[in-house]
């Protein structure tokens, strides 16, 4: 399980696009044949993705 931690609001104000994507984007949420989970301390949520495979 991937874990995300909060960033200070004053720091986020000066983030570039790349820094914002690195901090908040959850890439590859849906991987074929896998269950992926991410826990975010920012909103205290767990987000997951499940994608079946062709059998």
N, C-alpha and C. Protein backbone atom coordinates (compact mmCIF):
# COMPACT_ATOMS: atom_id res chain seq x y z
N UNK A 1 0.85 -1.18 0.00
CA UNK A 1 0.00 0.00 0.00
C UNK A 1 0.90 1.24 0.00
N UNK A 2 0.64 2.10 -0.92
CA UNK A 2 1.33 3.39 -1.00
C UNK A 2 0.75 4.31 0.06
N UNK A 3 1.61 5.10 0.71
CA UNK A 3 1.13 6.04 1.72
C UNK A 3 1.54 7.45 1.31
N UNK A 4 0.60 8.38 1.43
CA UNK A 4 0.85 9.78 1.10
C UNK A 4 0.73 10.62 2.36
N UNK A 5 1.67 11.55 2.55
CA UNK A 5 1.69 12.39 3.74
C UNK A 5 1.39 13.83 3.34
N UNK A 6 0.83 14.61 4.26
CA UNK A 6 0.46 15.99 3.94
C UNK A 6 1.67 16.89 3.71
N UNK A 7 1.45 17.91 2.91
CA UNK A 7 2.45 18.95 2.68
C UNK A 7 1.95 20.24 3.31
N UNK A 8 2.88 21.06 3.74
CA UNK A 8 2.49 22.34 4.35
C UNK A 8 1.89 23.25 3.28
N UNK A 9 0.75 23.88 3.56
CA UNK A 9 0.09 24.74 2.55
C UNK A 9 0.99 25.84 1.99
N UNK A 10 1.86 26.40 2.83
CA UNK A 10 2.75 27.46 2.33
C UNK A 10 3.76 26.90 1.33
N UNK A 11 4.16 25.66 1.52
CA UNK A 11 5.10 25.04 0.60
C UNK A 11 4.43 24.71 -0.74
N UNK A 12 3.18 24.23 -0.67
CA UNK A 12 2.46 23.83 -1.88
C UNK A 12 2.19 25.03 -2.79
N UNK A 13 2.04 26.20 -2.23
CA UNK A 13 1.78 27.40 -3.03
C UNK A 13 2.87 27.64 -4.07
N UNK A 14 4.07 27.21 -3.78
CA UNK A 14 5.21 27.46 -4.67
C UNK A 14 5.62 26.25 -5.49
N UNK A 15 4.84 25.18 -5.45
CA UNK A 15 5.16 23.98 -6.21
C UNK A 15 5.01 24.23 -7.71
N UNK A 16 5.89 23.62 -8.47
CA UNK A 16 5.76 23.62 -9.93
C UNK A 16 4.74 22.55 -10.32
N UNK A 17 4.40 22.50 -11.59
CA UNK A 17 3.48 21.47 -12.07
C UNK A 17 4.02 20.08 -11.79
N UNK A 18 5.31 19.88 -12.02
CA UNK A 18 5.92 18.58 -11.78
C UNK A 18 5.86 18.19 -10.31
N UNK A 19 6.10 19.16 -9.43
CA UNK A 19 6.04 18.89 -7.99
C UNK A 19 4.62 18.57 -7.54
N UNK A 20 3.63 19.28 -8.09
CA UNK A 20 2.23 18.99 -7.75
C UNK A 20 1.84 17.59 -8.20
N UNK A 21 2.25 17.21 -9.40
CA UNK A 21 1.94 15.87 -9.91
C UNK A 21 2.61 14.80 -9.05
N UNK A 22 3.85 15.03 -8.66
CA UNK A 22 4.57 14.05 -7.84
C UNK A 22 3.93 13.91 -6.47
N UNK A 23 3.39 14.99 -5.95
CA UNK A 23 2.81 14.99 -4.60
C UNK A 23 1.39 14.44 -4.56
N UNK A 24 0.57 14.73 -5.57
CA UNK A 24 -0.86 14.43 -5.48
C UNK A 24 -1.40 13.42 -6.50
N UNK A 25 -0.74 13.22 -7.61
CA UNK A 25 -1.22 12.30 -8.64
C UNK A 25 -0.95 10.86 -8.20
N UNK A 26 -1.92 9.99 -8.45
CA UNK A 26 -1.75 8.56 -8.17
C UNK A 26 -1.66 7.85 -9.52
N UNK A 27 -0.45 7.66 -10.02
CA UNK A 27 -0.30 7.03 -11.33
C UNK A 27 -0.54 5.52 -11.24
N UNK A 28 -0.93 4.95 -12.35
CA UNK A 28 -1.12 3.51 -12.45
C UNK A 28 -2.05 2.96 -11.37
N UNK A 29 -3.17 3.62 -11.17
CA UNK A 29 -4.15 3.17 -10.19
C UNK A 29 -4.77 1.86 -10.61
N UNK A 30 -4.96 1.67 -11.90
CA UNK A 30 -5.55 0.44 -12.42
C UNK A 30 -4.51 -0.34 -13.22
N UNK A 31 -3.95 -1.37 -12.60
CA UNK A 31 -2.98 -2.25 -13.25
C UNK A 31 -3.68 -3.59 -13.52
N UNK A 32 -3.62 -4.09 -14.75
CA UNK A 32 -4.28 -5.36 -15.06
C UNK A 32 -3.84 -6.49 -14.13
N UNK A 33 -4.83 -7.15 -13.53
CA UNK A 33 -4.56 -8.29 -12.67
C UNK A 33 -4.08 -7.94 -11.28
N UNK A 34 -4.11 -6.66 -10.89
CA UNK A 34 -3.62 -6.25 -9.58
C UNK A 34 -4.65 -5.40 -8.85
N UNK A 35 -4.54 -5.42 -7.54
CA UNK A 35 -5.30 -4.53 -6.68
C UNK A 35 -4.31 -3.52 -6.11
N UNK A 36 -4.54 -2.24 -6.35
CA UNK A 36 -3.64 -1.21 -5.83
C UNK A 36 -4.38 -0.37 -4.82
N UNK A 37 -3.68 0.00 -3.74
CA UNK A 37 -4.27 0.82 -2.68
C UNK A 37 -3.32 1.95 -2.33
N UNK A 38 -3.89 3.11 -2.05
CA UNK A 38 -3.13 4.26 -1.59
C UNK A 38 -3.86 4.86 -0.40
N UNK A 39 -3.13 5.05 0.70
CA UNK A 39 -3.70 5.71 1.88
C UNK A 39 -3.20 7.14 1.89
N UNK A 40 -4.11 8.09 2.00
CA UNK A 40 -3.76 9.50 2.02
C UNK A 40 -4.00 10.09 3.40
N UNK A 41 -2.93 10.56 4.02
CA UNK A 41 -3.07 11.25 5.30
C UNK A 41 -3.68 12.64 5.11
N UNK A 42 -3.68 13.12 3.86
CA UNK A 42 -4.22 14.45 3.57
C UNK A 42 -5.71 14.48 3.86
N UNK A 43 -6.45 13.51 3.32
CA UNK A 43 -7.89 13.45 3.52
C UNK A 43 -8.32 12.26 4.37
N UNK A 44 -7.33 11.49 4.84
CA UNK A 44 -7.60 10.27 5.61
C UNK A 44 -8.51 9.31 4.84
N UNK A 45 -8.09 9.03 3.62
CA UNK A 45 -8.87 8.13 2.76
C UNK A 45 -7.96 7.03 2.21
N UNK A 46 -8.59 5.95 1.84
CA UNK A 46 -7.92 4.89 1.09
C UNK A 46 -8.59 4.85 -0.27
N UNK A 47 -7.79 4.95 -1.32
CA UNK A 47 -8.32 4.85 -2.67
C UNK A 47 -7.69 3.62 -3.31
N UNK A 48 -8.51 2.88 -4.02
CA UNK A 48 -8.00 1.65 -4.63
C UNK A 48 -8.50 1.48 -6.04
N UNK A 49 -7.78 0.64 -6.75
CA UNK A 49 -8.16 0.29 -8.11
C UNK A 49 -7.97 -1.20 -8.32
N UNK A 50 -8.92 -1.81 -8.99
CA UNK A 50 -8.84 -3.23 -9.32
C UNK A 50 -9.21 -3.40 -10.78
N UNK A 51 -8.40 -4.17 -11.48
CA UNK A 51 -8.64 -4.39 -12.89
C UNK A 51 -8.49 -5.88 -13.18
N UNK A 52 -9.54 -6.52 -13.70
CA UNK A 52 -9.43 -7.95 -13.99
C UNK A 52 -8.54 -8.20 -15.21
N UNK A 53 -8.10 -9.43 -15.31
CA UNK A 53 -7.32 -9.82 -16.49
C UNK A 53 -8.18 -10.71 -17.36
N UNK A 54 -7.82 -10.83 -18.60
CA UNK A 54 -8.52 -11.74 -19.51
C UNK A 54 -8.00 -13.16 -19.29
N UNK A 55 -8.91 -14.08 -18.99
CA UNK A 55 -8.48 -15.47 -18.79
C UNK A 55 -9.26 -16.39 -19.70
